[in-house]
Amino acid sequence: MQKIHTFLIAAVFSAGLAAGVTAEDSGKGKMDWPQWRGPNRDGISSEKGLLKTWPEGGPKILWRAASGDGYSAMSVVEGRLYTIYGRNADELVVCLDAGSGDELWRYRLDSKFTNQYGHGPRSTPTVDGNIVYALGAQGKLVALNAVKGARVWTHDLRKEYGAKIPVWGVSTSPMVYRDLLLVDVGGRNGHGFVAFNKKDGKVVWKAATALPGYSAPIAVEVNGVAQILNFTGNSLISVDPKTGRQFWRFLWETSYDINAATPVFVAPDKVMISSGSGHGAALLKMIPGAGTVRVEEVWQSRIMRNKFSSSVLFGEHIYGFDEGTLKCFEVLSQEQKWSKRGFGQGAFLIADGQLILLSERGKLVLIEATPDEYRQRAEAQLLRGRCWTVPTLSNGVLYIRNQKNILAIGMTNQAL
């Protein structure tokens, strides 16, 4: 049973608004959340002025809308919320009014992915300008007009590039880098990691990889050298974003090729990776020179074993789920500061000095982001059932979901 539970959880993979506000009004804020794990793909929001405690019963629910199967997170841009879910036999890209929850449009991406360990899509839409990019659990990639939902271009990664669909479905989230859309395709003939022209979908470059992972790529810069880091099924690889040329590869083999958590950049020159199933974590140092980059291991240990919920670096400390235990430790020394159980395989973001955490069973928890000790400020049971989707924060509103509902929650005094 433990193996089955591990299979299941490894498949998962970023000013208050009053109810009834229109998309036009709510789009005036500047705190958009356009992609997986937020503006910088690091799980951190720069919003301030959030509630430090909640009234009895929890923060105010502004609206509730029906969702569907899957674990896709929500992206919010210009007053519109984008996500993907399975409903009936279909896999749908859906756009809602972020201020009211009203549906603005939907696009049928594919048939619904079904699996005995959890149905529906895993990937999170990426919004760039007037285009939203979405990737289905069976490898259908599409660019849509963000306002109307009309198709701009599309690819079937499995049919066109021989993409291998992971056991628990495609879970990576596309990343826009300048004029490119970067996707962990996991295909044949060098189509492992692919850069598409974001405007027309044409392949700009491709890089060979051995196995697709469940993680999402990030962009980093070390001593003026730009790199794209992609956590595949058995390695962390670094490529040149201009050409796709591989700089370095760090072998990281895990049970069933499950590398799901997003790498964590530790400025100015390090990156942490972590995997569950008893594996552990590693901190790597990137060293540019002579037109390339090499990497060396700083440490490797079992202090953090992310099954799928990604860790967050805040200050000099890592906050994350070590299997089912929430932990805080100093990233360089590995000195553990505190730990707390009881959230299952939860997910969280950090904003205004607080962890805003959604437990596996739908309890929303407010925790001070401090290494001093575990300090919980508030909690409220807002959802039921399996809750593996990371929350989204945009313009003072928190968005959470399960397999049945999406909730918008006011996180500022204006919403009370």
Protein backbone atom coordinates (compact mmCIF):
# COMPACT_ATOMS: atom_id res chain seq x y z
CA MET A 1 0.00 0.00 0.00
CA GLN A 2 2.88 2.35 0.70
CA LYS A 3 4.12 1.92 -2.89
CA ILE A 4 0.65 2.64 -4.27
CA HIS A 5 0.37 5.78 -2.14
CA THR A 6 3.78 6.90 -3.36
CA PHE A 7 2.73 6.36 -6.98
CA LEU A 8 -0.40 8.38 -6.42
CA ILE A 9 1.08 11.41 -4.75
CA ALA A 10 4.06 11.58 -7.10
CA ALA A 11 1.75 12.40 -10.02
CA VAL A 12 0.95 15.88 -8.79
CA PHE A 13 2.81 18.48 -9.38
CA SER A 14 2.27 28.42 -8.56
CA ALA A 15 -5.77 44.80 -2.49
CA GLY A 16 -8.81 42.48 -1.96
CA LEU A 17 -11.54 42.15 -4.54
CA ALA A 18 -15.17 42.30 -3.61
CA ALA A 19 -17.54 39.68 -4.98
CA GLY A 20 -19.08 40.72 -8.26
CA VAL A 21 -16.09 42.74 -9.50
CA THR A 22 -15.72 42.44 -13.27
CA ALA A 23 -12.63 41.27 -15.16
CA GLU A 24 -12.14 44.78 -16.47
CA ASP A 25 -12.04 46.21 -12.93
CA SER A 26 -9.98 43.45 -11.31
CA GLY A 27 -7.41 43.63 -14.09
CA LYS A 28 -6.24 47.03 -12.87
CA GLY A 29 -3.97 45.46 -10.24
CA LYS A 30 -0.32 44.83 -10.98
CA MET A 31 0.12 41.68 -8.91
CA ASP A 32 -0.58 39.10 -11.58
CA TRP A 33 0.31 35.42 -11.14
CA PRO A 34 0.98 34.40 -14.76
CA GLN A 35 2.45 30.92 -14.46
CA TRP A 36 3.44 27.94 -12.35
CA ARG A 37 4.66 29.12 -8.91
CA GLY A 38 4.11 32.79 -9.68
CA PRO A 39 5.90 35.64 -11.44
CA ASN A 40 9.40 34.21 -10.88
CA ARG A 41 8.49 30.51 -10.70
CA ASP A 42 9.77 30.43 -7.12
CA GLY A 43 6.60 30.24 -5.01
CA ILE A 44 6.99 33.80 -3.67
CA SER A 45 4.61 36.73 -4.00
CA SER A 46 5.71 40.33 -3.46
CA GLU A 47 2.27 41.39 -2.22
CA LYS A 48 2.07 43.26 1.08
CA GLY A 49 -0.72 44.23 3.46
CA LEU A 50 -2.18 40.74 3.80
CA LEU A 51 -4.13 39.64 6.85
CA LYS A 52 -1.93 38.43 9.73
CA THR A 53 -4.79 36.57 11.37
CA TRP A 54 -8.31 35.59 10.39
CA PRO A 55 -11.73 36.01 11.95
CA GLU A 56 -13.49 32.99 13.42
CA GLY A 57 -14.50 30.76 10.53
CA GLY A 58 -11.62 31.89 8.36
CA PRO A 59 -11.11 34.59 5.73
CA LYS A 60 -14.00 35.66 3.55
CA ILE A 61 -14.89 33.47 0.58
CA LEU A 62 -15.59 35.88 -2.28
CA TRP A 63 -16.90 33.31 -4.72
CA ARG A 64 -17.05 29.61 -5.47
CA ALA A 65 -17.04 28.00 -8.94
CA ALA A 66 -17.22 24.42 -10.15
CA SER A 67 -13.96 22.80 -11.25
CA GLY A 68 -13.19 19.20 -12.24
CA ASP A 69 -10.64 16.40 -12.14
CA GLY A 70 -6.94 17.22 -12.05
CA TYR A 71 -4.33 19.21 -10.18
CA SER A 72 -3.58 22.11 -12.51
CA ALA A 73 -2.87 25.30 -10.60
CA MET A 74 -4.41 28.65 -11.55
CA SER A 75 -2.80 31.53 -13.39
CA VAL A 76 -4.33 35.00 -12.99
CA VAL A 77 -3.60 37.87 -15.38
CA GLU A 78 -5.54 41.07 -16.14
CA GLY A 79 -8.53 39.95 -14.12
CA ARG A 80 -8.81 36.53 -15.77
CA LEU A 81 -8.14 33.16 -14.18
CA TYR A 82 -6.87 30.26 -16.30
CA THR A 83 -6.69 26.60 -15.37
CA ILE A 84 -7.18 23.12 -16.84
CA TYR A 85 -9.45 20.38 -15.56
CA GLY A 86 -11.23 17.23 -16.65
CA ARG A 87 -14.99 17.18 -16.83
CA ASN A 88 -17.03 14.26 -18.12
CA ALA A 89 -14.88 12.83 -20.97
CA ASP A 90 -13.06 16.06 -21.82
CA GLU A 91 -9.91 17.89 -20.79
CA LEU A 92 -10.70 21.61 -20.80
CA VAL A 93 -8.72 24.84 -20.69
CA VAL A 94 -10.99 27.24 -18.83
CA CYS A 95 -10.96 31.01 -18.35
CA LEU A 96 -12.95 32.55 -15.50
CA ASP A 97 -13.55 36.11 -14.45
CA ALA A 98 -11.16 36.39 -11.49
CA GLY A 99 -13.48 38.83 -9.74
CA SER A 100 -16.71 36.86 -9.94
CA GLY A 101 -15.90 33.27 -10.93
CA ASP A 102 -18.08 33.50 -14.04
CA GLU A 103 -16.87 31.43 -16.97
CA LEU A 104 -15.64 33.54 -19.89
CA TRP A 105 -14.64 30.76 -22.27
CA ARG A 106 -13.52 27.14 -22.47
CA TYR A 107 -11.45 25.18 -24.98
CA ARG A 108 -11.49 21.40 -25.39
CA LEU A 109 -7.85 20.39 -25.29
CA ASP A 110 -8.14 16.60 -25.38
CA SER A 111 -10.01 13.64 -23.97
CA LYS A 112 -9.71 13.39 -20.19
CA PHE A 113 -6.64 11.61 -18.88
CA THR A 114 -7.66 8.73 -16.63
CA ASN A 115 -5.43 6.82 -14.26
CA GLN A 116 -6.16 4.61 -11.27
CA TYR A 117 -4.03 6.99 -9.19
CA GLY A 118 -5.85 10.19 -10.17
CA HIS A 119 -7.64 11.57 -13.25
CA GLY A 120 -7.27 14.86 -15.07
CA PRO A 121 -4.51 17.30 -16.08
CA ARG A 122 -1.49 18.26 -13.98
CA SER A 123 0.16 21.11 -15.88
CA THR A 124 -0.48 24.80 -15.13
CA PRO A 125 -1.22 27.33 -17.94
CA THR A 126 1.34 30.02 -18.73
CA VAL A 127 0.13 33.49 -19.74
CA ASP A 128 2.30 35.82 -21.79
CA GLY A 129 0.78 38.99 -23.23
CA ASN A 130 -2.40 38.08 -25.05
CA ILE A 131 -1.58 34.36 -25.30
CA VAL A 132 -2.17 31.53 -22.83
CA TYR A 133 -0.20 28.31 -23.29
CA ALA A 134 -1.64 25.04 -21.99
CA LEU A 135 -0.32 21.49 -21.93
CA GLY A 136 -2.55 18.49 -21.45
CA ALA A 137 -1.81 15.30 -19.54
CA GLN A 138 -1.47 13.33 -22.79
CA GLY A 139 0.86 15.77 -24.55
CA LYS A 140 -1.45 18.17 -26.39
CA LEU A 141 0.14 21.65 -26.40
CA VAL A 142 -1.88 24.69 -27.43
CA ALA A 143 -1.53 28.48 -27.64
CA LEU A 144 -4.83 30.33 -27.23
CA ASN A 145 -5.94 33.92 -27.39
CA ALA A 146 -6.13 34.88 -23.73
CA VAL A 147 -9.28 37.02 -24.12
CA LYS A 148 -11.39 34.94 -26.49
CA GLY A 149 -9.94 31.44 -26.21
CA ALA A 150 -9.38 31.10 -29.97
CA ARG A 151 -6.61 28.73 -31.02
CA VAL A 152 -3.38 30.33 -32.30
CA TRP A 153 -1.31 27.18 -32.79
CA THR A 154 -1.10 23.65 -31.47
CA HIS A 155 1.13 20.56 -31.34
CA ASP A 156 0.54 16.94 -30.47
CA LEU A 157 3.84 16.18 -28.72
CA ARG A 158 3.34 12.44 -28.80
CA LYS A 159 2.42 12.17 -32.48
CA GLU A 160 4.78 14.82 -33.82
CA TYR A 161 7.86 14.31 -31.65
CA GLY A 162 7.46 10.86 -30.13
CA ALA A 163 6.95 12.21 -26.63
CA LYS A 164 6.89 9.61 -23.92
CA ILE A 165 3.91 10.19 -21.68
CA PRO A 166 4.93 9.60 -18.05
CA VAL A 167 2.97 7.02 -16.06
CA TRP A 168 1.02 9.69 -14.16
CA GLY A 169 0.57 12.01 -17.11
CA VAL A 170 2.42 15.03 -18.46
CA SER A 171 2.94 17.31 -15.47
CA THR A 172 5.52 19.88 -16.54
CA SER A 173 4.37 23.47 -17.09
CA PRO A 174 5.57 25.43 -20.16
CA MET A 175 7.86 28.41 -19.58
CA VAL A 176 8.17 31.56 -21.67
CA TYR A 177 11.72 32.86 -22.05
CA ARG A 178 11.91 35.94 -24.27
CA ASP A 179 10.56 34.80 -27.67
CA LEU A 180 10.61 31.11 -26.77
CA LEU A 181 8.20 28.67 -25.19
CA LEU A 182 10.23 25.98 -23.42
CA VAL A 183 8.73 22.53 -22.86
CA ASP A 184 10.05 19.26 -21.44
CA VAL A 185 8.76 17.15 -24.34
CA GLY A 186 10.60 13.89 -23.64
CA GLY A 187 10.53 12.95 -27.31
CA ARG A 188 12.68 11.06 -29.80
CA ASN A 189 15.34 12.23 -32.27
CA GLY A 190 16.67 14.90 -29.97
CA HIS A 191 13.24 16.31 -29.06
CA GLY A 192 13.78 15.92 -25.33
CA PHE A 193 13.69 19.56 -24.29
CA VAL A 194 12.27 21.84 -26.98
CA ALA A 195 12.16 25.59 -27.57
CA PHE A 196 9.21 26.67 -29.71
CA ASN A 197 8.74 30.10 -31.22
CA LYS A 198 6.05 31.40 -28.88
CA LYS A 199 4.26 33.26 -31.68
CA ASP A 200 3.88 30.53 -34.31
CA GLY A 201 4.88 27.31 -32.56
CA LYS A 202 7.79 26.46 -34.85
CA VAL A 203 10.72 24.58 -33.32
CA VAL A 204 13.69 26.92 -32.74
CA TRP A 205 16.01 24.40 -31.10
CA LYS A 206 15.90 21.01 -29.43
CA ALA A 207 18.05 19.26 -26.84
CA ALA A 208 18.27 15.54 -26.22
CA THR A 209 17.27 14.17 -22.80
CA ALA A 210 16.92 10.61 -21.61
CA LEU A 211 13.57 10.67 -19.82
CA PRO A 212 10.81 13.21 -19.22
CA GLY A 213 10.26 14.26 -15.63
CA TYR A 214 7.29 15.67 -13.77
CA SER A 215 9.03 18.94 -12.90
CA ALA A 216 9.00 22.37 -14.58
CA PRO A 217 11.99 24.31 -15.98
CA ILE A 218 13.40 27.52 -14.52
CA ALA A 219 15.70 30.24 -15.88
CA VAL A 220 18.75 31.38 -13.92
CA GLU A 221 21.74 33.65 -14.51
CA VAL A 222 25.13 33.03 -12.90
CA ASN A 223 27.94 35.53 -13.41
CA GLY A 224 26.20 36.88 -16.50
CA VAL A 225 25.63 33.47 -18.08
CA ALA A 226 21.98 32.61 -18.70
CA GLN A 227 20.90 29.01 -18.24
CA ILE A 228 17.69 27.02 -18.42
CA LEU A 229 17.52 24.26 -15.82
CA ASN A 230 15.30 21.27 -16.57
CA PHE A 231 14.76 18.46 -14.06
CA THR A 232 14.19 15.34 -16.16
CA GLY A 233 13.35 11.79 -15.10
CA ASN A 234 16.96 11.01 -14.21
CA SER A 235 19.01 14.24 -14.33
CA LEU A 236 19.14 17.97 -13.81
CA ILE A 237 20.36 19.49 -17.06
CA SER A 238 21.48 23.01 -17.93
CA VAL A 239 21.20 24.38 -21.47
CA ASP A 240 22.01 27.60 -23.27
CA PRO A 241 18.66 29.37 -23.88
CA LYS A 242 19.93 30.74 -27.20
CA THR A 243 20.90 27.45 -28.80
CA GLY A 244 19.87 24.56 -26.58
CA ARG A 245 23.50 23.51 -26.18
CA GLN A 246 23.97 21.53 -22.99
CA PHE A 247 26.24 23.17 -20.42
CA TRP A 248 26.14 20.43 -17.79
CA ARG A 249 24.21 17.42 -16.54
CA PHE A 250 23.91 16.15 -12.97
CA LEU A 251 22.71 12.55 -12.72
CA TRP A 252 19.82 12.12 -10.24
CA GLU A 253 18.20 8.71 -10.51
CA THR A 254 15.15 8.00 -8.38
CA SER A 255 12.54 5.29 -7.98
CA TYR A 256 10.26 5.11 -11.02
CA ASP A 257 11.96 8.21 -12.52
CA ILE A 258 9.95 10.48 -10.22
CA ASN A 259 11.55 13.92 -10.17
CA ALA A 260 8.57 16.20 -9.61
CA ALA A 261 9.55 19.20 -7.48
CA THR A 262 10.77 22.36 -9.23
CA PRO A 263 14.48 23.17 -8.71
CA VAL A 264 15.15 26.01 -6.26
CA PHE A 265 17.67 28.68 -7.33
CA VAL A 266 19.90 29.79 -4.45
CA ALA A 267 21.45 33.06 -5.59
CA PRO A 268 24.00 33.89 -6.70
CA ASP A 269 25.28 30.55 -8.03
CA LYS A 270 23.58 27.50 -6.53
CA VAL A 271 20.53 25.31 -7.11
CA MET A 272 18.79 22.76 -4.91
CA ILE A 273 16.95 19.71 -6.19
CA SER A 274 14.89 17.28 -4.16
CA SER A 275 12.95 14.06 -4.72
CA GLY A 276 10.78 11.85 -2.54
CA SER A 277 10.43 8.09 -2.12
CA GLY A 278 13.21 8.28 0.46
CA HIS A 279 15.72 9.83 -1.94
CA GLY A 280 16.69 13.28 -0.62
CA ALA A 281 18.14 16.56 -1.83
CA ALA A 282 21.33 18.04 -3.25
CA LEU A 283 22.76 21.53 -3.42
CA LEU A 284 24.88 22.23 -6.50
CA LYS A 285 27.20 25.11 -7.32
CA MET A 286 27.33 26.39 -10.91
CA ILE A 287 30.70 27.72 -12.09
CA PRO A 288 30.84 29.56 -15.45
CA GLY A 289 34.09 29.85 -17.40
CA ALA A 290 35.64 29.48 -20.85
CA GLY A 291 32.32 29.81 -22.65
CA THR A 292 30.56 27.10 -20.67
CA VAL A 293 29.38 26.22 -17.17
CA ARG A 294 30.35 23.34 -14.92
CA VAL A 295 28.71 22.14 -11.73
CA GLU A 296 29.95 20.68 -8.48
CA GLU A 297 28.09 19.17 -5.55
CA VAL A 298 28.02 21.20 -2.33
CA TRP A 299 26.05 18.70 -0.29
CA GLN A 300 23.66 15.79 -0.64
CA SER A 301 21.42 14.54 2.17
CA ARG A 302 17.98 13.27 3.15
CA ILE A 303 16.99 16.45 4.99
CA MET A 304 14.38 17.32 2.33
CA ARG A 305 12.49 14.72 0.27
CA ASN A 306 9.98 16.54 -1.93
CA LYS A 307 7.51 14.05 -3.39
CA PHE A 308 5.85 16.66 -5.57
CA SER A 309 5.25 19.81 -3.55
CA SER A 310 8.15 22.16 -4.35
CA SER A 311 10.23 23.87 -1.67
CA VAL A 312 10.58 27.64 -1.33
CA LEU A 313 13.73 29.59 -0.46
CA PHE A 314 12.95 32.59 1.76
CA GLY A 315 15.97 34.49 3.00
CA GLU A 316 18.60 31.90 3.82
CA HIS A 317 16.15 29.14 4.67
CA ILE A 318 14.33 26.43 2.77
CA TYR A 319 10.70 25.72 3.63
CA GLY A 320 9.23 22.54 2.21
CA PHE A 321 7.65 19.13 2.67
CA ASP A 322 10.05 16.38 3.62
CA GLU A 323 7.75 13.52 2.62
CA GLY A 324 4.76 14.41 4.87
CA THR A 325 6.55 16.76 7.28
CA LEU A 326 6.78 20.53 6.84
CA LYS A 327 10.34 21.65 7.60
CA CYS A 328 12.52 24.73 7.75
CA PHE A 329 16.30 24.48 7.45
CA GLU A 330 19.26 26.72 6.62
CA VAL A 331 20.20 26.03 3.03
CA LEU A 332 23.99 26.07 3.27
CA SER A 333 24.57 24.39 6.63
CA GLN A 334 21.49 22.10 6.48
CA GLU A 335 20.75 23.03 10.09
CA GLN A 336 17.13 22.14 10.75
CA LYS A 337 15.18 24.89 12.53
CA TRP A 338 11.79 23.29 13.02
CA SER A 339 9.37 20.67 11.69
CA LYS A 340 5.63 20.15 11.83
CA ARG A 341 3.41 17.26 10.80
CA GLY A 342 -0.33 17.14 10.19
CA PHE A 343 -0.69 18.66 6.71
CA GLY A 344 -0.27 15.53 4.61
CA GLN A 345 1.12 16.31 1.18
CA GLY A 346 0.22 20.00 1.31
CA ALA A 347 1.22 22.90 -0.91
CA PHE A 348 2.05 26.52 -0.13
CA LEU A 349 3.35 29.87 -1.26
CA ILE A 350 5.09 32.62 0.70
CA ALA A 351 3.76 36.19 0.77
CA ASP A 352 4.18 39.12 3.16
CA GLY A 353 6.36 37.07 5.50
CA GLN A 354 3.88 34.20 5.75
CA LEU A 355 3.43 30.68 4.46
CA ILE A 356 -0.09 30.38 3.09
CA LEU A 357 -0.54 26.62 3.10
CA LEU A 358 -3.32 24.37 1.87
CA SER A 359 -3.22 20.96 3.53
CA GLU A 360 -3.90 17.75 1.67
CA ARG A 361 -7.41 17.70 3.17
CA GLY A 362 -8.35 21.29 2.48
CA LYS A 363 -7.36 23.15 5.63
CA LEU A 364 -5.95 26.61 4.91
CA VAL A 365 -3.18 27.54 7.35
CA LEU A 366 -1.28 30.77 7.97
CA ILE A 367 2.28 30.27 9.28
CA GLU A 368 4.94 32.87 10.00
CA ALA A 369 7.92 32.48 7.65
CA THR A 370 10.59 32.50 10.34
CA PRO A 371 13.34 30.03 11.23
CA ASP A 372 12.99 30.87 14.94
CA GLU A 373 10.20 28.38 15.60
CA TYR A 374 6.96 27.08 14.12
CA ARG A 375 4.41 29.86 14.61
CA GLN A 376 0.92 29.26 13.32
CA ARG A 377 -1.27 32.33 13.12
CA ALA A 378 -4.58 30.99 11.82
CA GLU A 379 -6.34 28.06 10.20
CA ALA A 380 -9.68 27.36 8.55
CA GLN A 381 -11.23 24.27 6.96
CA LEU A 382 -12.33 25.57 3.56
CA LEU A 383 -12.24 22.51 1.28
CA ARG A 384 -12.67 18.75 1.59
CA GLY A 385 -11.24 15.80 -0.27
CA ARG A 386 -7.84 15.64 -1.93
CA CYS A 387 -6.17 19.05 -2.25
CA TRP A 388 -2.80 18.84 -3.98
CA THR A 389 -2.93 22.03 -6.05
CA VAL A 390 -0.62 24.86 -4.99
CA PRO A 391 -2.53 28.08 -4.10
CA THR A 392 -2.40 31.19 -6.27
CA LEU A 393 -2.28 34.78 -4.96
CA SER A 394 -3.16 37.78 -7.09
CA ASN A 395 -4.15 41.30 -6.03
CA GLY A 396 -5.02 40.32 -2.48
CA VAL A 397 -7.12 37.31 -3.45
CA LEU A 398 -6.09 33.71 -2.84
CA TYR A 399 -7.34 31.02 -5.21
CA ILE A 400 -7.51 27.38 -4.10
CA ARG A 401 -9.15 24.30 -5.59
CA ASN A 402 -9.92 20.63 -5.27
CA GLN A 403 -11.64 18.21 -7.67
CA LYS A 404 -15.01 19.90 -7.32
CA ASN A 405 -14.58 23.61 -6.62
CA ILE A 406 -12.42 26.69 -7.06
CA LEU A 407 -12.56 29.21 -4.23
CA ALA A 408 -11.56 32.88 -4.25
CA ILE A 409 -10.64 34.10 -0.77
CA GLY A 410 -10.10 37.68 0.36
CA MET A 411 -6.72 38.06 2.08
CA THR A 412 -6.81 41.77 2.94
CA ASN A 413 -8.84 43.95 5.32
CA GLN A 414 -10.86 45.29 2.40
CA ALA A 415 -12.41 41.86 1.93
CA LEU A 416 -13.70 41.53 5.51
